[in-house]
Amino acid sequence: MDKPLYTIKPYEQGIDNWLLLTIVIFLISLSSAYYFNKNKHLDYNRRNILVMILSFFALIAFMTGGFRLYSKWRLRPIEIYSNRIKTPYGSAPLSNVLDYYIKLEKQYKPMQAEVVKDSAFYFFLIERNNKTHVLSEGDYPIYEVLDNMNKLMKE
């Protein structure tokens, strides 16, 4: 197996505040649902509705935390070889690369089309079979990927 010419690692992704918040919401809502289910001071219907709502919050928090952990797990280093590039979305032979570029994506406010709400840069790698690899500036140093691709494609 050949060694990569360039390896670009994703930014360090520790446990962030949103993940901690979803874990806390999950634990609080699940323990509250258990407490209210055992508490007989409330009437039967109100207790069941309250337990159902708290269980629903626990389920949403659990799934949000799970998807957040999954997306962190999916971040893999980008490896650029002499004949292919390997991203988290698969491997693409350089002969099959149609285009690659960096694009600024803007998100506008819903009722004010001229006001930019958020913006981010993305690296797009498009293959000839229309498969697209999209890398975010929040996860990878995309300008380093672009520079290394430019060096390799000019050779």
Foldseek 3Di string as FASTA:
>chain_A
DDAFPDKWAWDDDDDDPLLVVLVVLLVVLQVVLVVLVPDPPDPDVVSVVSSVVSVVSNVVSVVVNVVVVVVVVLGDIWGHHLFWIQGSVGIDGPVFWPDKDKDKDFDADDVDRVHTPDIWIWIWTAGNVRDIDIDTVNITVVVVVVVVVVVSVVD
